Each structure stands twice: as C-alpha cells, then as structure tokens.
C-alpha cells in the first residue's frame, strides 16, 4: 500500500494537533522536523509547520 504525499501531510497535521500542551507540541515538531522536511515537498512541509504553529497559538500558555 502506498500513500500520497498529501496523505502523509495530513497524518503529520493530525499528529501535531493531538498535542494538548505547548511544550509537547514543540517537542513533537522538533522530533519530527527532519522527517517532515525529508518526506514532503517544500510547500507541503511548510503547510504542516504552519498548521502546527496555528495549533500552538491556540493552546493554553
């Protein structure tokens, strides 16, 4: 079974949105940043990181 890059991006976004604390999200992004950059083309990688940033801003401080 193969997955399209957009499906992989959606999984990364879903996983990022599972974080309920800012520190957990920051750690998740740091731990997966290399995979995001290696697996996704430029704009999709940027979209994943932008979604993570938006989610980060919405989390309680």
Protein backbone atom coordinates (compact mmCIF):
# COMPACT_ATOMS: atom_id res chain seq x y z
CA UNK A 1 0.00 0.00 0.00
CA UNK A 2 1.36 3.41 -0.90
CA UNK A 3 0.36 6.80 0.38
CA UNK A 4 0.38 10.07 -1.46
CA UNK A 5 2.43 12.92 -0.06
CA UNK A 6 -0.74 14.84 0.73
CA UNK A 7 -1.98 11.90 2.82
CA UNK A 8 1.33 11.84 4.69
CA UNK A 9 1.00 15.59 5.30
CA UNK A 10 -2.50 15.08 6.71
CA UNK A 11 -1.16 12.45 9.11
CA UNK A 12 1.57 14.83 10.30
CA UNK A 13 -1.02 17.59 10.81
CA UNK A 14 -3.34 15.24 12.69
CA UNK A 15 -0.49 14.05 14.91
CA UNK A 16 0.58 17.62 15.67
CA UNK A 17 -2.96 18.55 16.65
CA UNK A 18 -3.02 15.69 19.16
CA UNK A 19 -0.73 17.73 21.43
CA UNK A 20 -2.56 19.42 24.28
CA UNK A 21 0.35 21.39 25.70
CA UNK A 22 2.72 23.84 24.03
CA UNK A 23 5.81 22.03 25.32
CA UNK A 24 4.55 18.70 23.96
CA UNK A 25 3.85 20.22 20.55
CA UNK A 26 7.24 21.93 20.41
CA UNK A 27 8.95 18.64 21.30
CA UNK A 28 6.91 16.77 18.69
CA UNK A 29 7.79 19.27 15.94
CA UNK A 30 11.46 19.20 16.91
CA UNK A 31 11.49 15.40 16.89
CA UNK A 32 9.72 15.10 13.53
CA UNK A 33 11.10 18.11 11.69
CA UNK A 34 13.67 16.06 9.75
CA UNK A 35 11.01 13.55 8.66
CA UNK A 36 8.64 16.33 7.61
CA UNK A 37 11.36 18.00 5.55
CA UNK A 38 12.58 14.73 4.00
CA UNK A 39 9.20 13.21 3.16
CA UNK A 40 7.25 16.23 1.97
CA UNK A 41 7.93 18.70 -0.82
CA UNK A 42 8.59 22.30 0.22
CA UNK A 43 5.07 23.72 0.27
CA UNK A 44 3.50 20.70 1.98
CA UNK A 45 6.22 20.73 4.64
CA UNK A 46 5.56 24.44 5.16
CA UNK A 47 1.81 23.75 5.41
CA UNK A 48 2.38 21.13 8.12
CA UNK A 49 4.56 23.52 10.11
CA UNK A 50 2.07 26.37 9.66
CA UNK A 51 -0.75 24.16 10.95
CA UNK A 52 1.41 23.23 13.94
CA UNK A 53 2.12 26.94 14.61
CA UNK A 54 -1.58 27.77 14.42
CA UNK A 55 -2.37 24.95 16.84
CA UNK A 56 0.45 26.13 19.13
CA UNK A 57 -1.04 29.61 19.31
CA UNK A 58 -4.41 28.14 20.27
CA UNK A 59 -3.04 26.09 23.16
CA UNK A 60 -3.13 27.48 26.71
CA UNK A 61 0.07 29.06 27.97
